[in-house]
Amino acid sequence: MVATTLPLRADRSVDYDAYAEHVRWLIDSGCDGVVPNGSLGEYQTLTDAERAKVVHTAVEAAGDGARVMPGVAAYGSAESKRWTEQAADAGAGSVLLLPPNAYRADAATVRAHYAEVAAVGLPVVAYNNPFDTKVDLVPELLAALHGDGSIVAVKEFSGDVRRAYEIAELAPGLDLLIGADDVLLELALAGAVGWIAGYPNALPQASVALYRAAVAHDLATALPLYKALHSLLRWDSKTEFVQAIKLSMDIAGRPGGPTRAPRAPLAPETEAAVRAATEKALAEGLR
């Protein structure tokens, strides 16, 4: 499932036609589906009308709502619930939900938040990103959320591969999804069954090949690909990940383009590093 970037015109308006074409291209390139309105999609900068239209565009372009998992993060639980209802009305098959992030919520607050959103009826995938939210969905809390019936899976972005084994012990029915591109192989070997990915926006075929080999534990295929791509994949875990992935898309001939403020263009040395890694991957035939 690709956490999609959002094409913006020079005036920073959303190019919905380019976005629809991008969604179709990702699926045609072997990706299983898309995750609109995540951080890569710059959802925090969108108006309500833009955010809703992105979901409708993704569902229509994907041709199957089960392939679409909109992000429904918001400061308030009621607003996250409203975005989940909008996703359901648009025909999406599931949603991706951060914990409350207006303050450092305790476990009881987190459980109430997920229960309120889950009441809509769509499958909810928890998103654990303790770096940005300051709320850590530790294995014990994930097990409680799963036991409550509030979540079916977790996008695990902590980077701590050891958690995979504890999650499997405490909540064996909870699906583990790779949340950071640069720990893909490690989490796949530890039992992850999915990947909410960033770099397929630029290099979908190579990314899909890597993912398929990794979850099949085919190290002979996966390890060389992982090493070849890792200088790019690690940008997914950096502050400038949106700009970096969009730049790689531009270089690969995809609709990357600008970002909305407050995200500024990459510093020259950072741009040079992303450009060099992308051009090297393309020169090696990775697409």
C-alpha atoms as a PDB file:
ATOM      1  CA  MET A   1       0.000   0.000   0.000  1.00  0.00           C
ATOM      2  CA  VAL A   2       1.649   3.210  -1.180  1.00  0.00           C
ATOM      3  CA  ALA A   3       1.404   6.295   1.009  1.00  0.00           C
ATOM      4  CA  THR A   4       0.842   8.560  -1.951  1.00  0.00           C
ATOM      5  CA  THR A   5       2.355  11.958  -2.538  1.00  0.00           C
ATOM      6  CA  LEU A   6      -0.003  14.607  -3.865  1.00  0.00           C
ATOM      7  CA  PRO A   7       0.801  16.429  -7.129  1.00  0.00           C
ATOM      8  CA  LEU A   8       0.641  20.199  -6.770  1.00  0.00           C
ATOM      9  CA  ARG A   9       0.702  22.763  -9.538  1.00  0.00           C
ATOM     10  CA  ALA A  10       3.116  25.701  -9.546  1.00  0.00           C
ATOM     11  CA  ASP A  11       0.530  27.760  -7.649  1.00  0.00           C
ATOM     12  CA  ARG A  12       0.303  24.934  -5.079  1.00  0.00           C
ATOM     13  CA  SER A  13      -3.237  23.963  -6.051  1.00  0.00           C
ATOM     14  CA  VAL A  14      -3.960  20.215  -6.143  1.00  0.00           C
ATOM     15  CA  ASP A  15      -3.725  18.541  -9.546  1.00  0.00           C
ATOM     16  CA  TYR A  16      -6.420  15.883  -9.123  1.00  0.00           C
ATOM     17  CA  ASP A  17      -6.047  14.586 -12.692  1.00  0.00           C
ATOM     18  CA  ALA A  18      -2.340  13.964 -12.142  1.00  0.00           C
ATOM     19  CA  TYR A  19      -3.137  12.303  -8.820  1.00  0.00           C
ATOM     20  CA  ALA A  20      -5.681   9.974 -10.419  1.00  0.00           C
ATOM     21  CA  GLU A  21      -3.175   9.021 -13.103  1.00  0.00           C
ATOM     22  CA  HIS A  22      -0.545   8.385 -10.424  1.00  0.00           C
ATOM     23  CA  VAL A  23      -2.862   6.076  -8.465  1.00  0.00           C
ATOM     24  CA  ARG A  24      -3.674   4.092 -11.612  1.00  0.00           C
ATOM     25  CA  TRP A  25       0.026   3.889 -12.524  1.00  0.00           C
ATOM     26  CA  LEU A  26       0.991   2.579  -9.079  1.00  0.00           C
ATOM     27  CA  ILE A  27      -1.607  -0.188  -9.249  1.00  0.00           C
ATOM     28  CA  ASP A  28      -0.662  -1.019 -12.840  1.00  0.00           C
ATOM     29  CA  SER A  29       2.956  -1.234 -11.648  1.00  0.00           C
ATOM     30  CA  GLY A  30       2.085  -3.991  -9.175  1.00  0.00           C
ATOM     31  CA  CYS A  31       1.230  -2.122  -5.974  1.00  0.00           C
ATOM     32  CA  ASP A  32      -1.769  -3.437  -4.073  1.00  0.00           C
ATOM     33  CA  GLY A  33      -3.316  -0.104  -3.172  1.00  0.00           C
ATOM     34  CA  VAL A  34      -2.860   3.438  -1.934  1.00  0.00           C
ATOM     35  CA  VAL A  35      -2.986   5.404   1.299  1.00  0.00           C
ATOM     36  CA  PRO A  36      -4.089   8.984   0.551  1.00  0.00           C
ATOM     37  CA  ASN A  37      -4.031  11.823   3.069  1.00  0.00           C
ATOM     38  CA  GLY A  38      -1.020  10.626   5.005  1.00  0.00           C
ATOM     39  CA  SER A  39       1.957  12.787   5.855  1.00  0.00           C
ATOM     40  CA  LEU A  40       3.400  12.120   2.404  1.00  0.00           C
ATOM     41  CA  GLY A  41       0.159  13.474   0.982  1.00  0.00           C
ATOM     42  CA  GLU A  42       0.596  16.671   3.027  1.00  0.00           C
ATOM     43  CA  TYR A  43      -2.852  16.240   4.565  1.00  0.00           C
ATOM     44  CA  GLN A  44      -2.106  18.775   7.290  1.00  0.00           C
ATOM     45  CA  THR A  45      -2.007  21.546   4.650  1.00  0.00           C
ATOM     46  CA  LEU A  46      -5.245  20.602   2.858  1.00  0.00           C
ATOM     47  CA  THR A  47      -8.639  22.246   3.215  1.00  0.00           C
ATOM     48  CA  ASP A  48     -11.537  20.000   4.162  1.00  0.00           C
ATOM     49  CA  ALA A  49     -12.813  20.108   0.583  1.00  0.00           C
ATOM     50  CA  GLU A  50      -9.408  19.172  -0.824  1.00  0.00           C
ATOM     51  CA  ARG A  51      -8.945  16.341   1.648  1.00  0.00           C
ATOM     52  CA  ALA A  52     -12.344  14.862   0.822  1.00  0.00           C
ATOM     53  CA  LYS A  53     -11.787  15.158  -2.921  1.00  0.00           C
ATOM     54  CA  VAL A  54      -8.434  13.366  -2.642  1.00  0.00           C
ATOM     55  CA  VAL A  55     -10.211  10.339  -1.153  1.00  0.00           C
ATOM     56  CA  HIS A  56     -12.915  10.325  -3.828  1.00  0.00           C
ATOM     57  CA  THR A  57     -10.241  10.655  -6.524  1.00  0.00           C
ATOM     58  CA  ALA A  58      -8.233   7.763  -5.105  1.00  0.00           C
ATOM     59  CA  VAL A  59     -11.243   5.438  -4.858  1.00  0.00           C
ATOM     60  CA  GLU A  60     -12.372   6.224  -8.389  1.00  0.00           C
ATOM     61  CA  ALA A  61      -8.885   5.858  -9.845  1.00  0.00           C
ATOM     62  CA  ALA A  62      -8.145   2.626  -7.970  1.00  0.00           C
ATOM     63  CA  GLY A  63     -11.349   1.084  -9.292  1.00  0.00           C
ATOM     64  CA  ASP A  64     -11.826  -0.847  -6.054  1.00  0.00           C
ATOM     65  CA  GLY A  65     -12.350   0.831  -2.701  1.00  0.00           C
ATOM     66  CA  ALA A  66     -10.674  -2.080  -0.930  1.00  0.00           C
ATOM     67  CA  ARG A  67      -7.426  -0.799  -2.425  1.00  0.00           C
ATOM     68  CA  VAL A  68      -7.754   2.580  -0.665  1.00  0.00           C
ATOM     69  CA  MET A  69      -6.852   3.269   2.997  1.00  0.00           C
ATOM     70  CA  PRO A  70      -7.235   6.990   3.704  1.00  0.00           C
ATOM     71  CA  GLY A  71      -5.420   8.599   6.587  1.00  0.00           C
ATOM     72  CA  VAL A  72      -7.959   9.998   9.060  1.00  0.00           C
ATOM     73  CA  ALA A  73      -5.657  11.676  11.568  1.00  0.00           C
ATOM     74  CA  ALA A  74      -6.955  14.781  13.330  1.00  0.00           C
ATOM     75  CA  TYR A  75      -6.482  16.578  16.622  1.00  0.00           C
ATOM     76  CA  GLY A  76      -9.903  15.534  17.896  1.00  0.00           C
ATOM     77  CA  SER A  77     -11.457  12.060  18.021  1.00  0.00           C
ATOM     78  CA  ALA A  78     -14.731  13.417  16.684  1.00  0.00           C
ATOM     79  CA  GLU A  79     -12.952  14.855  13.666  1.00  0.00           C
ATOM     80  CA  SER A  80     -11.107  11.583  13.015  1.00  0.00           C
ATOM     81  CA  LYS A  81     -14.466   9.830  13.222  1.00  0.00           C
ATOM     82  CA  ARG A  82     -15.921  12.310  10.738  1.00  0.00           C
ATOM     83  CA  TRP A  83     -13.071  11.662   8.286  1.00  0.00           C
ATOM     84  CA  THR A  84     -13.644   7.924   8.723  1.00  0.00           C
ATOM     85  CA  GLU A  85     -17.322   8.377   7.906  1.00  0.00           C
ATOM     86  CA  GLN A  86     -16.296  10.365   4.828  1.00  0.00           C
ATOM     87  CA  ALA A  87     -13.941   7.560   3.780  1.00  0.00           C
ATOM     88  CA  ALA A  88     -16.748   5.021   4.195  1.00  0.00           C
ATOM     89  CA  ASP A  89     -19.153   7.164   2.167  1.00  0.00           C
ATOM     90  CA  ALA A  90     -16.517   7.446  -0.580  1.00  0.00           C
ATOM     91  CA  GLY A  91     -16.197   3.655  -0.714  1.00  0.00           C
ATOM     92  CA  ALA A  92     -12.778   3.205   0.906  1.00  0.00           C
ATOM     93  CA  GLY A  93     -12.045  -0.190   2.416  1.00  0.00           C
ATOM     94  CA  SER A  94     -10.132   0.782   5.564  1.00  0.00           C
ATOM     95  CA  VAL A  95      -8.516   3.743   7.324  1.00  0.00           C
ATOM     96  CA  LEU A  96      -5.159   4.590   8.890  1.00  0.00           C
ATOM     97  CA  LEU A  97      -5.357   6.339  12.271  1.00  0.00           C
ATOM     98  CA  LEU A  98      -2.736   8.036  14.427  1.00  0.00           C
ATOM     99  CA  PRO A  99      -3.280   8.221  18.183  1.00  0.00           C
ATOM    100  CA  PRO A 100      -4.386  11.550  19.666  1.00  0.00           C
ATOM    101  CA  ASN A 101      -1.513  13.954  19.066  1.00  0.00           C
ATOM    102  CA  ALA A 102      -2.617  17.293  20.499  1.00  0.00           C
ATOM    103  CA  TYR A 103      -0.927  16.223  23.742  1.00  0.00           C
ATOM    104  CA  ARG A 104       0.776  13.161  25.217  1.00  0.00           C
ATOM    105  CA  ALA A 105      -2.299  10.988  25.691  1.00  0.00           C
ATOM    106  CA  ASP A 106      -2.365   8.160  28.229  1.00  0.00           C
ATOM    107  CA  ALA A 107      -3.409   4.593  27.471  1.00  0.00           C
ATOM    108  CA  ALA A 108      -7.047   5.046  28.469  1.00  0.00           C
ATOM    109  CA  THR A 109      -7.364   8.098  26.230  1.00  0.00           C
ATOM    110  CA  VAL A 110      -5.774   6.249  23.307  1.00  0.00           C
ATOM    111  CA  ARG A 111      -8.174   3.332  23.729  1.00  0.00           C
ATOM    112  CA  ALA A 112     -11.184   5.647  23.836  1.00  0.00           C
ATOM    113  CA  HIS A 113      -9.955   7.454  20.708  1.00  0.00           C
ATOM    114  CA  TYR A 114      -9.598   4.275  18.671  1.00  0.00           C
ATOM    115  CA  ALA A 115     -12.895   2.864  19.958  1.00  0.00           C
ATOM    116  CA  GLU A 116     -14.759   5.996  18.829  1.00  0.00           C
ATOM    117  CA  VAL A 117     -13.339   5.789  15.307  1.00  0.00           C
ATOM    118  CA  ALA A 118     -13.759   2.009  15.060  1.00  0.00           C
ATOM    119  CA  ALA A 119     -17.477   2.447  15.812  1.00  0.00           C
ATOM    120  CA  VAL A 120     -17.911   3.713  12.239  1.00  0.00           C
ATOM    121  CA  GLY A 121     -17.410   0.149  11.061  1.00  0.00           C
ATOM    122  CA  LEU A 122     -14.412   0.389   8.736  1.00  0.00           C
ATOM    123  CA  PRO A 123     -11.315  -1.653   9.591  1.00  0.00           C
ATOM    124  CA  VAL A 124      -8.859   0.611  11.420  1.00  0.00           C
ATOM    125  CA  VAL A 125      -5.088   0.350  11.056  1.00  0.00           C
ATOM    126  CA  ALA A 126      -3.213   2.009  13.905  1.00  0.00           C
ATOM    127  CA  TYR A 127      -0.207   4.130  13.005  1.00  0.00           C
ATOM    128  CA  ASN A 128       2.574   4.132  15.577  1.00  0.00           C
ATOM    129  CA  ASN A 129       4.831   7.135  15.010  1.00  0.00           C
ATOM    130  CA  PRO A 130       6.104   8.115  18.469  1.00  0.00           C
ATOM    131  CA  PHE A 131       8.611  10.582  16.997  1.00  0.00           C
ATOM    132  CA  ASP A 132       5.943  12.908  15.619  1.00  0.00           C
ATOM    133  CA  THR A 133       2.992  12.216  17.930  1.00  0.00           C
ATOM    134  CA  LYS A 134       4.914  11.742  21.211  1.00  0.00           C
ATOM    135  CA  VAL A 135       2.466   8.911  21.911  1.00  0.00           C
ATOM    136  CA  ASP A 136       4.030   5.463  21.686  1.00  0.00           C
ATOM    137  CA  LEU A 137       1.752   2.548  20.823  1.00  0.00           C
ATOM    138  CA  VAL A 138       3.857  -0.008  22.674  1.00  0.00           C
ATOM    139  CA  PRO A 139       3.102  -3.720  22.186  1.00  0.00           C
ATOM    140  CA  GLU A 140       0.994  -3.950  25.371  1.00  0.00           C
ATOM    141  CA  LEU A 141      -1.184  -1.031  24.253  1.00  0.00           C
ATOM    142  CA  LEU A 142      -1.532  -2.439  20.739  1.00  0.00           C
ATOM    143  CA  ALA A 143      -2.644  -5.739  22.251  1.00  0.00           C
ATOM    144  CA  ALA A 144      -5.253  -3.888  24.306  1.00  0.00           C
ATOM    145  CA  LEU A 145      -6.517  -1.993  21.241  1.00  0.00           C
ATOM    146  CA  HIS A 146      -6.768  -5.250  19.309  1.00  0.00           C
ATOM    147  CA  GLY A 147      -8.514  -6.913  22.224  1.00  0.00           C
ATOM    148  CA  ASP A 148     -10.996  -4.028  22.304  1.00  0.00           C
ATOM    149  CA  GLY A 149     -11.819  -4.765  18.665  1.00  0.00           C
ATOM    150  CA  SER A 150     -10.640  -1.280  17.689  1.00  0.00           C
ATOM    151  CA  ILE A 151      -7.795  -2.146  15.295  1.00  0.00           C
ATOM    152  CA  VAL A 152      -6.980  -4.908  12.823  1.00  0.00           C
ATOM    153  CA  ALA A 153      -3.359  -3.974  12.083  1.00  0.00           C
ATOM    154  CA  VAL A 154      -0.573  -1.565  12.977  1.00  0.00           C
ATOM    155  CA  LYS A 155       1.743   0.466  10.796  1.00  0.00           C
ATOM    156  CA  GLU A 156       4.874   0.226  12.926  1.00  0.00           C
ATOM    157  CA  PHE A 157       7.229   3.190  12.419  1.00  0.00           C
ATOM    158  CA  SER A 158       9.256   3.093  15.630  1.00  0.00           C
ATOM    159  CA  GLY A 159      12.168   1.377  13.880  1.00  0.00           C
ATOM    160  CA  ASP A 160      12.502  -1.061  16.789  1.00  0.00           C
ATOM    161  CA  VAL A 161      12.387  -4.438  15.054  1.00  0.00           C
ATOM    162  CA  ARG A 162      12.347  -6.220  18.419  1.00  0.00           C
ATOM    163  CA  ARG A 163       8.758  -5.095  18.887  1.00  0.00           C
ATOM    164  CA  ALA A 164       7.593  -7.350  16.067  1.00  0.00           C
ATOM    165  CA  TYR A 165       8.135 -10.440  18.162  1.00  0.00           C
ATOM    166  CA  GLU A 166       6.472  -9.014  21.260  1.00  0.00           C
ATOM    167  CA  ILE A 167       3.466  -7.850  19.242  1.00  0.00           C
ATOM    168  CA  ALA A 168       3.117 -11.360  17.805  1.00  0.00           C
ATOM    169  CA  GLU A 169       3.238 -12.840  21.301  1.00  0.00           C
ATOM    170  CA  LEU A 170       0.745 -10.430  22.874  1.00  0.00           C
ATOM    171  CA  ALA A 171      -1.640 -10.037  19.920  1.00  0.00           C
ATOM    172  CA  PRO A 172      -1.139 -12.939  17.499  1.00  0.00           C
ATOM    173  CA  GLY A 173      -4.159 -11.904  15.427  1.00  0.00           C
ATOM    174  CA  LEU A 174      -2.910  -8.353  14.846  1.00  0.00           C
ATOM    175  CA  ASP A 175      -1.383  -7.772  11.416  1.00  0.00           C
ATOM    176  CA  LEU A 176       2.026  -6.100  11.486  1.00  0.00           C
ATOM    177  CA  LEU A 177       2.652  -3.655   8.638  1.00  0.00           C
ATOM    178  CA  ILE A 178       6.058  -2.211   7.843  1.00  0.00           C
ATOM    179  CA  GLY A 179       5.871   1.517   8.466  1.00  0.00           C
ATOM    180  CA  ALA A 180       9.347   2.764   7.582  1.00  0.00           C
ATOM    181  CA  ASP A 181      10.956   1.935   4.258  1.00  0.00           C
ATOM    182  CA  ASP A 182      14.454   1.449   5.681  1.00  0.00           C
ATOM    183  CA  VAL A 183      13.501  -1.440   7.998  1.00  0.00           C
ATOM    184  CA  LEU A 184      11.505  -3.303   5.367  1.00  0.00           C
ATOM    185  CA  LEU A 185      13.655  -6.414   5.221  1.00  0.00           C
ATOM    186  CA  GLU A 186      14.112  -6.701   8.970  1.00  0.00           C
ATOM    187  CA  LEU A 187      10.385  -6.425   9.724  1.00  0.00           C
ATOM    188  CA  ALA A 188       9.432  -8.724   6.850  1.00  0.00           C
ATOM    189  CA  LEU A 189      11.713 -11.399   8.266  1.00  0.00           C
ATOM    190  CA  ALA A 190      10.164 -10.779  11.683  1.00  0.00           C
ATOM    191  CA  GLY A 191       6.694 -11.561  10.386  1.00  0.00           C
ATOM    192  CA  ALA A 192       5.239  -8.396   8.856  1.00  0.00           C
ATOM    193  CA  VAL A 193       2.477  -9.113   6.333  1.00  0.00           C
ATOM    194  CA  GLY A 194       2.248  -5.713   4.666  1.00  0.00           C
ATOM    195  CA  TRP A 195       4.052  -2.475   3.891  1.00  0.00           C
ATOM    196  CA  ILE A 196       2.709   1.071   3.905  1.00  0.00           C
ATOM    197  CA  ALA A 197       5.410   2.437   1.691  1.00  0.00           C
ATOM    198  CA  GLY A 198       6.856   5.730   0.515  1.00  0.00           C
ATOM    199  CA  TYR A 199       9.439   5.070  -2.177  1.00  0.00           C
ATOM    200  CA  PRO A 200       7.194   3.118  -4.561  1.00  0.00           C
ATOM    201  CA  ASN A 201       5.920   6.575  -5.521  1.00  0.00           C
ATOM    202  CA  ALA A 202       9.153   6.864  -7.516  1.00  0.00           C
ATOM    203  CA  LEU A 203      10.306   3.267  -8.045  1.00  0.00           C
ATOM    204  CA  PRO A 204       7.271   0.969  -7.774  1.00  0.00           C
ATOM    205  CA  GLN A 205       8.464  -2.072  -9.709  1.00  0.00           C
ATOM    206  CA  ALA A 206      11.737  -2.417  -7.802  1.00  0.00           C
ATOM    207  CA  SER A 207       9.944  -1.759  -4.509  1.00  0.00           C
ATOM    208  CA  VAL A 208       7.301  -4.401  -5.197  1.00  0.00           C
ATOM    209  CA  ALA A 209       9.964  -6.918  -6.187  1.00  0.00           C
ATOM    210  CA  LEU A 210      11.844  -6.200  -2.966  1.00  0.00           C
ATOM    211  CA  TYR A 211       8.700  -6.488  -0.844  1.00  0.00           C
ATOM    212  CA  ARG A 212       7.545  -9.746  -2.431  1.00  0.00           C
ATOM    213  CA  ALA A 213      10.967 -11.318  -1.954  1.00  0.00           C
ATOM    214  CA  ALA A 214      11.245 -10.035   1.620  1.00  0.00           C
ATOM    215  CA  VAL A 215       7.909 -11.424   2.844  1.00  0.00           C
ATOM    216  CA  ALA A 216       8.710 -14.708   1.081  1.00  0.00           C
ATOM    217  CA  HIS A 217      12.028 -14.757   2.979  1.00  0.00           C
ATOM    218  CA  ASP A 218      13.816 -15.033  -0.382  1.00  0.00           C
ATOM    219  CA  LEU A 219      17.072 -13.464   0.757  1.00  0.00           C
ATOM    220  CA  ALA A 220      18.911 -14.281  -2.437  1.00  0.00           C
ATOM    221  CA  THR A 221      16.582 -11.891  -4.247  1.00  0.00           C
ATOM    222  CA  ALA A 222      15.757  -9.445  -1.470  1.00  0.00           C
ATOM    223  CA  LEU A 223      19.165  -8.641  -0.010  1.00  0.00           C
ATOM    224  CA  PRO A 224      20.851  -7.311  -3.189  1.00  0.00           C
ATOM    225  CA  LEU A 225      17.764  -5.204  -3.951  1.00  0.00           C
ATOM    226  CA  TYR A 226      17.640  -3.907  -0.399  1.00  0.00           C
ATOM    227  CA  LYS A 227      21.274  -2.890  -0.461  1.00  0.00           C
ATOM    228  CA  ALA A 228      20.831  -1.195  -3.835  1.00  0.00           C
ATOM    229  CA  LEU A 229      17.781   0.767  -2.674  1.00  0.00           C
ATOM    230  CA  HIS A 230      18.637   1.482   0.945  1.00  0.00           C
ATOM    231  CA  SER A 231      20.354   4.824   0.345  1.00  0.00           C
ATOM    232  CA  LEU A 232      16.971   5.984  -0.959  1.00  0.00           C
ATOM    233  CA  LEU A 233      14.714   4.064   1.429  1.00  0.00           C
ATOM    234  CA  ARG A 234      16.280   5.713   4.461  1.00  0.00           C
ATOM    235  CA  TRP A 235      15.020   9.105   3.311  1.00  0.00           C
ATOM    236  CA  ASP A 236      11.539   7.877   4.268  1.00  0.00           C
ATOM    237  CA  SER A 237      12.589   8.205   7.923  1.00  0.00           C
ATOM    238  CA  LYS A 238      14.061  11.697   7.669  1.00  0.00           C
ATOM    239  CA  THR A 239      12.405  15.059   8.295  1.00  0.00           C
ATOM    240  CA  GLU A 240      12.642  15.967   4.602  1.00  0.00           C
ATOM    241  CA  PHE A 241      10.987  12.752   3.425  1.00  0.00           C
ATOM    242  CA  VAL A 242       8.207  14.452   1.444  1.00  0.00           C
ATOM    243  CA  GLN A 243      10.586  16.682  -0.497  1.00  0.00           C
ATOM    244  CA  ALA A 244      13.067  13.838  -1.002  1.00  0.00           C
ATOM    245  CA  ILE A 245      10.516  11.402  -2.392  1.00  0.00           C
ATOM    246  CA  LYS A 246       8.981  14.072  -4.618  1.00  0.00           C
ATOM    247  CA  LEU A 247      12.440  14.912  -5.976  1.00  0.00           C
ATOM    248  CA  SER A 248      13.101  11.242  -6.723  1.00  0.00           C
ATOM    249  CA  MET A 249       9.755  11.149  -8.525  1.00  0.00           C
ATOM    250  CA  ASP A 250      10.727  14.160 -10.636  1.00  0.00           C
ATOM    251  CA  ILE A 251      13.982  12.477 -11.609  1.00  0.00           C
ATOM    252  CA  ALA A 252      12.163   9.236 -12.432  1.00  0.00           C
ATOM    253  CA  GLY A 253       9.657  11.084 -14.629  1.00  0.00           C
ATOM    254  CA  ARG A 254       6.748  11.000 -12.197  1.00  0.00           C
ATOM    255  CA  PRO A 255       4.563  13.907 -10.937  1.00  0.00           C
ATOM    256  CA  GLY A 256       6.593  14.894  -7.894  1.00  0.00           C
ATOM    257  CA  GLY A 257       6.687  18.659  -7.951  1.00  0.00           C
ATOM    258  CA  PRO A 258       6.624  21.191  -5.133  1.00  0.00           C
ATOM    259  CA  THR A 259       5.379  20.961  -1.559  1.00  0.00           C
ATOM    260  CA  ARG A 260       3.176  23.326   0.398  1.00  0.00           C
ATOM    261  CA  ALA A 261       4.546  25.555   3.140  1.00  0.00           C
ATOM    262  CA  PRO A 262       5.883  25.163   5.704  1.00  0.00           C
ATOM    263  CA  ARG A 263       7.829  22.459   3.835  1.00  0.00           C
ATOM    264  CA  ALA A 264      10.532  24.327   1.943  1.00  0.00           C
ATOM    265  CA  PRO A 265      12.689  23.094  -0.966  1.00  0.00           C
ATOM    266  CA  LEU A 266      15.599  20.867  -0.015  1.00  0.00           C
ATOM    267  CA  ALA A 267      18.892  22.456   0.928  1.00  0.00           C
ATOM    268  CA  PRO A 268      21.409  22.196  -1.943  1.00  0.00           C
ATOM    269  CA  GLU A 269      23.558  19.529  -0.259  1.00  0.00           C
ATOM    270  CA  THR A 270      20.495  17.458   0.632  1.00  0.00           C
ATOM    271  CA  GLU A 271      19.105  17.758  -2.880  1.00  0.00           C
ATOM    272  CA  ALA A 272      22.436  16.625  -4.289  1.00  0.00           C
ATOM    273  CA  ALA A 273      22.458  13.537  -2.063  1.00  0.00           C
ATOM    274  CA  VAL A 274      18.897  12.524  -3.020  1.00  0.00           C
ATOM    275  CA  ARG A 275      19.586  13.199  -6.691  1.00  0.00           C
ATOM    276  CA  ALA A 276      22.774  11.111  -6.692  1.00  0.00           C
ATOM    277  CA  ALA A 277      21.078   8.145  -4.976  1.00  0.00           C
ATOM    278  CA  THR A 278      18.097   8.283  -7.328  1.00  0.00           C
ATOM    279  CA  GLU A 279      20.183   8.545 -10.474  1.00  0.00           C
ATOM    280  CA  LYS A 280      22.350   5.651  -9.287  1.00  0.00           C
ATOM    281  CA  ALA A 281      19.266   3.463  -8.752  1.00  0.00           C
ATOM    282  CA  LEU A 282      17.876   4.347 -12.168  1.00  0.00           C
ATOM    283  CA  ALA A 283      21.243   3.681 -13.809  1.00  0.00           C
ATOM    284  CA  GLU A 284      21.199   0.219 -12.251  1.00  0.00           C
ATOM    285  CA  GLY A 285      17.848  -0.458 -13.910  1.00  0.00           C
ATOM    286  CA  LEU A 286      15.693  -0.026 -10.795  1.00  0.00           C
ATOM    287  CA  ARG A 287      12.337   1.470 -11.707  1.00  0.00           C
END
